[in-house]
Protein backbone atom coordinates (compact mmCIF):
# COMPACT_ATOMS: atom_id res chain seq x y z
CA MET A 1 335.92 -27.77 34.61
CA SER A 2 332.64 -29.27 33.40
CA LYS A 3 329.60 -27.13 32.71
CA ASN A 4 327.62 -30.37 33.01
CA PHE A 5 328.44 -30.88 36.68
CA LYS A 6 325.36 -32.72 37.97
CA ILE A 7 323.24 -32.15 41.06
CA ILE A 8 321.83 -35.45 42.34
CA ALA A 9 318.92 -34.39 44.54
CA THR A 10 317.41 -36.83 47.03
CA VAL A 11 313.60 -36.78 47.14
CA LYS A 12 310.76 -38.78 48.63
CA THR A 13 307.76 -36.69 47.56
CA HIS A 14 306.46 -35.30 44.27
CA GLU A 15 306.77 -31.77 45.65
CA GLN A 16 310.47 -32.28 46.34
CA ALA A 17 310.97 -33.75 42.86
CA SER A 18 309.22 -30.78 41.25
CA ILE A 19 311.44 -28.32 43.13
CA ALA A 20 314.63 -30.18 42.19
CA LEU A 21 313.76 -30.57 38.52
CA SER A 22 313.06 -26.88 38.07
CA TYR A 23 316.84 -26.49 37.89
CA PRO A 24 319.09 -27.73 35.05
CA ASN A 25 321.55 -30.65 35.18
CA THR A 26 319.53 -32.33 37.92
CA ILE A 27 319.22 -36.07 38.53
CA LEU A 28 316.81 -37.47 41.11
CA ARG A 29 317.82 -39.91 43.85
CA VAL A 30 315.33 -41.98 45.82
CA ASN A 31 316.71 -43.71 48.91
CA SER A 32 315.06 -47.13 49.24
CA SER A 33 315.41 -46.95 53.03
CA HIS A 34 312.87 -44.11 53.16
CA MET A 35 309.82 -46.21 52.25
CA GLU A 36 308.40 -49.70 52.00
CA THR A 37 309.03 -51.64 48.79
CA GLN A 38 305.53 -51.36 47.35
CA LYS A 39 305.35 -47.62 48.01
CA LEU A 40 308.88 -47.17 46.64
CA VAL A 41 308.08 -48.98 43.38
CA GLN A 42 304.89 -46.97 42.93
CA PHE A 43 306.73 -43.69 43.57
CA ILE A 44 309.44 -44.58 41.04
CA LYS A 45 306.77 -45.57 38.49
CA GLU A 46 305.00 -42.23 38.95
CA LEU A 47 308.26 -40.29 38.61
CA THR A 48 309.26 -42.08 35.40
CA GLU A 49 305.82 -41.41 33.91
CA LYS A 50 305.76 -37.75 34.93
CA TYR A 51 309.40 -37.05 34.03
CA PRO A 52 310.20 -39.53 31.22
CA GLN A 53 313.49 -37.82 30.28
CA THR A 54 314.83 -37.60 33.83
CA GLU A 55 317.49 -39.97 35.16
CA ILE A 56 316.57 -41.44 38.53
CA TYR A 57 318.94 -43.19 40.94
CA ILE A 58 317.51 -45.80 43.28
CA ASP A 59 319.78 -46.10 46.28
CA LEU A 60 319.93 -49.72 47.46
CA GLN A 61 320.86 -50.71 51.01
CA GLY A 62 323.51 -53.26 50.08
CA SER A 63 325.31 -54.46 53.22
CA LYS A 64 324.57 -51.29 55.15
CA ILE A 65 322.87 -51.69 58.55
CA ARG A 66 319.96 -49.31 59.07
CA ILE A 67 317.40 -48.44 61.68
CA SER A 68 313.97 -49.81 60.77
CA ARG A 69 312.02 -47.82 58.19
CA GLU A 70 309.01 -47.92 60.57
CA GLN A 71 311.00 -46.43 63.45
CA PRO A 72 309.02 -43.54 65.03
CA GLN A 73 311.09 -40.39 65.44
CA PHE A 74 312.09 -39.47 68.98
CA SER A 75 314.86 -37.60 70.78
CA VAL A 76 317.49 -39.17 73.02
CA LYS A 77 319.52 -37.34 75.67
CA LYS A 78 323.04 -37.86 76.95
CA ASP A 79 323.26 -40.60 79.66
CA GLN A 80 319.78 -41.89 78.73
CA LYS A 81 319.33 -45.67 78.76
CA VAL A 82 317.86 -47.05 75.56
CA LYS A 83 316.82 -50.48 74.33
CA LEU A 84 318.15 -51.85 71.03
CA THR A 85 315.99 -54.46 69.35
CA ILE A 86 315.31 -56.24 66.07
CA ASP A 87 311.61 -56.54 66.95
CA ASP A 88 309.09 -54.61 64.88
CA PRO A 89 308.39 -51.13 66.25
CA THR A 90 305.11 -49.92 67.70
CA PRO A 91 303.84 -46.36 67.11
CA ASP A 92 304.73 -45.27 70.68
CA THR A 93 308.07 -47.10 71.02
CA LYS A 94 311.05 -45.47 72.67
CA SER A 95 313.41 -48.24 71.60
CA ILE A 96 315.81 -48.24 68.65
CA HIS A 97 314.66 -50.82 66.14
CA ILE A 98 317.31 -52.26 63.81
CA GLY A 99 316.43 -53.53 60.34
CA ASN A 100 319.03 -56.31 60.03
CA PRO A 101 318.00 -59.31 62.17
CA ASN A 102 321.62 -60.40 62.72
CA THR A 103 322.77 -57.13 64.27
CA ILE A 104 322.30 -57.91 67.98
CA LYS A 105 324.54 -60.96 67.56
CA LEU A 106 327.36 -58.62 66.54
CA LEU A 107 327.15 -56.51 69.70
CA SER A 108 328.89 -56.99 73.03
CA LYS A 109 329.31 -54.99 76.22
CA GLY A 110 331.34 -51.87 75.45
CA THR A 111 330.55 -51.81 71.71
CA HIS A 112 330.27 -48.25 70.40
CA VAL A 113 327.46 -47.61 67.92
CA LYS A 114 327.17 -44.49 65.78
CA ILE A 115 323.83 -43.60 64.21
CA ASP A 116 322.94 -41.21 61.39
CA ASP A 117 326.51 -40.54 60.20
CA GLY A 118 327.72 -40.23 63.78
CA ARG A 119 325.22 -37.58 64.86
CA ILE A 120 324.15 -39.94 67.66
CA GLU A 121 326.40 -42.30 69.59
CA LEU A 122 325.79 -44.91 72.26
CA VAL A 123 327.75 -47.59 74.10
CA VAL A 124 326.29 -51.06 74.66
CA ASP A 125 325.83 -51.93 78.35
CA SER A 126 324.40 -55.43 78.13
CA ILE A 127 323.02 -58.09 75.79
CA GLU A 128 319.66 -59.49 76.90
CA ASN A 129 319.34 -62.10 74.13
CA GLU A 130 319.75 -62.40 70.36
CA ARG A 131 316.92 -59.91 69.83
CA ASN A 132 317.54 -57.25 72.47
CA ALA A 133 320.31 -55.22 74.03
CA GLU A 134 320.61 -52.10 76.19
CA GLY A 135 322.88 -49.10 75.81
CA THR A 136 323.65 -45.62 77.13
CA ILE A 137 323.50 -42.52 74.95
CA ILE A 138 326.82 -40.64 74.93
CA LYS A 139 325.97 -38.25 72.07
CA GLU A 140 322.38 -37.05 72.00
CA GLY A 141 320.17 -36.34 68.99
CA THR A 142 317.01 -37.42 67.18
CA ILE A 143 316.40 -41.04 66.14
CA ARG A 144 314.89 -41.12 62.65
CA PRO A 145 313.69 -44.03 60.49
CA GLY A 146 316.03 -45.64 57.98
CA LYS A 147 319.20 -43.97 59.22
CA GLY A 148 322.54 -45.79 59.29
CA PHE A 149 323.54 -47.91 62.28
CA ASN A 150 327.33 -48.05 62.18
CA LEU A 151 329.72 -50.53 63.73
CA TYR A 152 333.49 -50.41 63.15
CA PRO A 153 334.87 -52.25 61.38
CA HIS A 154 331.77 -52.78 59.23
CA PRO A 155 330.88 -56.44 59.83
CA PHE A 156 329.19 -57.42 56.57
CA VAL A 157 330.56 -58.28 53.14
CA GLN A 158 328.03 -59.38 50.54
CA ASN A 159 328.76 -61.16 47.26
CA GLN A 160 325.18 -60.70 46.11
CA LEU A 161 322.19 -58.49 46.80
CA SER A 162 319.97 -58.85 49.85
CA LYS A 163 316.47 -60.27 49.49
CA ARG A 164 314.86 -56.81 49.71
CA ASP A 165 317.25 -55.24 47.21
CA ILE A 166 316.54 -58.10 44.79
CA GLU A 167 312.80 -57.48 45.14
CA ILE A 168 313.25 -53.78 44.39
CA VAL A 169 315.45 -54.44 41.35
CA GLU A 170 312.98 -57.00 39.95
CA ASN A 171 310.14 -54.49 40.19
CA VAL A 172 311.87 -51.47 38.65
CA LYS A 173 314.48 -52.82 36.21
CA ASP A 174 312.23 -52.31 33.17
CA PHE A 175 311.46 -48.64 33.95
CA LYS A 176 313.12 -46.08 31.69
CA ASN A 177 316.14 -44.03 32.82
CA ILE A 178 316.61 -45.96 36.05
CA LYS A 179 320.07 -46.15 37.62
CA PHE A 180 321.21 -47.80 40.83
CA ALA A 181 323.52 -46.68 43.64
CA LEU A 182 324.72 -49.49 45.89
CA SER A 183 325.66 -48.75 49.51
CA PHE A 184 328.76 -50.01 51.33
CA VAL A 185 330.24 -51.75 48.30
CA SER A 186 333.40 -53.68 49.19
CA VAL A 187 333.78 -56.38 46.52
CA PRO A 188 333.13 -56.35 42.74
CA GLU A 189 330.83 -59.40 43.02
CA GLU A 190 328.11 -57.14 44.49
CA ILE A 191 328.20 -54.90 41.42
CA LYS A 192 328.25 -57.87 39.05
CA ASP A 193 325.21 -59.41 40.75
CA LEU A 194 323.29 -56.13 40.52
CA LYS A 195 324.27 -55.76 36.86
CA THR A 196 323.03 -59.28 36.08
CA ARG A 197 319.73 -58.88 37.92
CA SER A 198 319.00 -55.44 36.42
CA ASN A 199 319.74 -56.31 32.78
CA ASN A 200 322.99 -54.37 32.94
CA LYS A 201 321.59 -51.11 34.27
CA PHE A 202 323.93 -48.23 35.20
CA VAL A 203 325.42 -48.81 38.69
CA ALA A 204 327.15 -46.31 40.97
CA ALA A 205 329.36 -47.86 43.65
CA LYS A 206 329.14 -46.01 46.96
CA ILE A 207 332.55 -46.03 48.67
CA GLU A 208 331.81 -45.75 52.39
CA ARG A 209 334.33 -47.93 54.22
CA GLU A 210 338.06 -48.38 54.45
CA MET A 211 339.59 -50.39 51.61
CA THR A 212 342.86 -50.96 49.82
CA GLN A 213 343.89 -49.55 46.44
CA GLU A 214 343.39 -53.00 44.97
CA GLN A 215 339.81 -53.16 46.29
CA VAL A 216 339.00 -49.71 44.93
CA LYS A 217 340.42 -50.58 41.52
CA ALA A 218 338.51 -53.88 41.35
CA ILE A 219 335.25 -52.08 42.12
CA CYS A 220 335.94 -49.28 39.63
CA ASP A 221 336.62 -51.87 36.92
CA VAL A 222 333.03 -53.15 37.03
CA CYS A 223 330.89 -50.13 38.01
CA ASP A 224 329.77 -47.17 35.89
CA CYS A 225 330.34 -44.43 38.46
CA VAL A 226 331.83 -43.98 41.93
CA TRP A 227 330.28 -42.00 44.77
CA ILE A 228 332.60 -40.91 47.58
CA CYS A 229 330.20 -40.94 50.53
CA ARG A 230 331.74 -39.09 53.46
CA GLY A 231 328.93 -39.63 55.97
CA ASP A 232 329.39 -43.29 56.82
CA MET A 233 333.03 -43.05 55.72
CA GLY A 234 333.69 -40.55 58.51
CA VAL A 235 332.17 -42.96 61.02
CA GLN A 236 334.11 -45.94 59.67
CA MET A 237 337.52 -44.27 59.24
CA GLY A 238 337.36 -41.41 61.71
CA PHE A 239 337.51 -37.79 60.62
CA VAL A 240 341.24 -37.72 59.91
CA GLY A 241 341.16 -41.07 58.11
CA MET A 242 338.22 -39.93 56.00
CA ALA A 243 339.92 -36.65 55.07
CA LYS A 244 343.11 -38.46 54.05
CA PHE A 245 341.23 -41.09 52.04
CA VAL A 246 339.19 -38.48 50.15
CA ARG A 247 342.31 -36.44 49.38
CA GLN A 248 344.25 -39.49 48.23
CA PHE A 249 341.35 -40.72 46.12
CA THR A 250 340.97 -37.30 44.54
CA ASP A 251 344.68 -36.99 43.72
CA LYS A 252 345.42 -40.58 42.66
CA TYR A 253 342.24 -41.95 41.15
CA ILE A 254 340.16 -39.21 39.56
CA PRO A 255 342.78 -38.30 36.89
CA ASN A 256 343.12 -41.97 35.88
CA LEU A 257 339.72 -43.59 36.32
CA LYS A 258 337.57 -44.38 33.30
CA VAL A 259 334.38 -43.84 35.30
CA PRO A 260 333.06 -40.50 36.63
CA CYS A 261 333.25 -39.69 40.35
CA VAL A 262 330.64 -37.94 42.47
CA ILE A 263 331.09 -36.35 45.89
CA ALA A 264 328.43 -37.14 48.52
CA GLY A 265 327.81 -36.82 52.24
CA GLU A 266 325.95 -33.56 53.00
CA VAL A 267 328.22 -31.40 50.84
CA MET A 268 326.03 -28.39 51.69
CA GLU A 269 324.80 -29.54 55.11
CA HIS A 270 324.22 -26.00 56.41
CA PHE A 271 321.13 -25.87 54.16
CA CYS A 272 319.42 -28.42 56.40
CA GLU A 273 318.80 -25.70 58.98
CA HIS A 274 319.80 -22.44 57.27
CA SER A 275 318.92 -20.64 54.04
CA ILE A 276 322.55 -20.08 52.99
CA PRO A 277 325.65 -22.31 53.00
CA THR A 278 328.85 -21.67 54.91
CA ARG A 279 331.87 -20.16 53.17
CA THR A 280 333.71 -23.41 53.82
CA GLU A 281 331.05 -25.36 51.93
CA ILE A 282 331.16 -22.83 49.08
CA CYS A 283 334.93 -23.19 48.73
CA TYR A 284 334.82 -26.98 49.06
CA LEU A 285 332.25 -27.28 46.28
CA GLY A 286 334.51 -25.19 44.05
CA ASN A 287 337.46 -27.45 44.89
CA CYS A 288 335.42 -30.53 43.97
CA ILE A 289 334.56 -29.07 40.58
CA MET A 290 338.18 -28.15 39.89
CA ASP A 291 339.42 -31.53 41.13
CA GLY A 292 337.42 -33.32 38.44
CA TYR A 293 334.32 -34.58 40.23
CA LYS A 294 331.38 -34.79 37.83
CA GLY A 295 328.58 -34.21 40.30
CA MET A 296 327.40 -33.87 43.88
CA VAL A 297 324.69 -35.54 45.93
CA LEU A 298 322.29 -33.44 47.97
CA SER A 299 320.85 -35.77 50.60
CA ASP A 300 319.31 -34.41 53.79
CA GLU A 301 319.58 -30.93 52.27
CA THR A 302 316.67 -31.68 49.91
CA VAL A 303 314.83 -34.61 51.48
CA PHE A 304 314.70 -33.57 55.16
CA GLY A 305 316.11 -30.02 55.24
CA LYS A 306 314.15 -26.84 55.80
CA TYR A 307 315.42 -25.11 52.66
CA PRO A 308 315.40 -27.52 49.67
CA LYS A 309 314.52 -24.79 47.15
CA GLU A 310 317.25 -22.48 48.41
CA ALA A 311 319.77 -25.35 48.32
CA MET A 312 318.91 -26.21 44.71
CA GLU A 313 318.88 -22.57 43.60
CA PHE A 314 322.21 -21.76 45.19
CA CYS A 315 323.98 -24.87 43.90
CA SER A 316 322.61 -24.49 40.39
CA ASN A 317 323.60 -20.81 40.10
CA TYR A 318 326.97 -21.36 41.77
CA ILE A 319 327.94 -24.26 39.50
CA ARG A 320 326.91 -22.33 36.39
CA GLU A 321 328.89 -19.24 37.39
CA PHE A 322 331.89 -21.21 38.66
CA CYS A 323 332.18 -23.16 35.41
CA GLU A 324 331.83 -20.15 33.12
CA GLU A 325 334.89 -19.51 30.99
CA LYS A 326 336.65 -16.32 31.98
């Protein structure tokens, strides 16, 4: 068991960063989907200047489909009709605005869409044109900006970065202690392109979709770290498929891989709404440490949750005590 088990805390404000970095073995993660490029670059610049010794992950979108970053937050109810569009949102919109302009073309009547790691689900009723469609909510929740918009099987494979990801990399690649995490990786060419454009910066490959052993190995051969991201993975593979994949990966790959592995996907999700974790989460975190994972990602727990300080304090103390030699 490693006493250097890392906490990768997702932040989008200086206050959140300050809370996270008051605990040891903490790395910051900034999700590029949470803000516009100019604001993102400025935030990263400020963090690197204020915390020059801190490692900072920038999470790139890769081939992941997301709701628009300008999407106003609103609630949807079961059986509610809702418009899907690639048009830019207005402040009072009640439509779901999708960031990738090719998405509507991939939909058809009866297509099931899962949003925000499956917290919301809808079925497509009709396609109006290449920009607009209509659907019915079958699992209610709150639409939030930048959240994942999942289709199965995931329709995109990229051999190189998107235009926006390239712009981000160009603007931050010379900052100190910057690392990248690339979403929905499926082929090693994506990692190689990011490495080339970033002057060989550290790259974590986010495994979020179904893939063969050969695909996993090819990706692990070119990246510096692997993140097992169970949020989108659960949507893509189903709950049973996700559980089997994570168990198989843990048993077969972690003992033999040359790169470290990190567990992600709301590991301590109860902290989003409560000041303590569940006993299941506590035991699972212990299993991850014993299984050889080198760190965990706190996502909504620290960036959107009600109890970011409590989440950081608990995880830091728990990891320290769990890893103490007896």
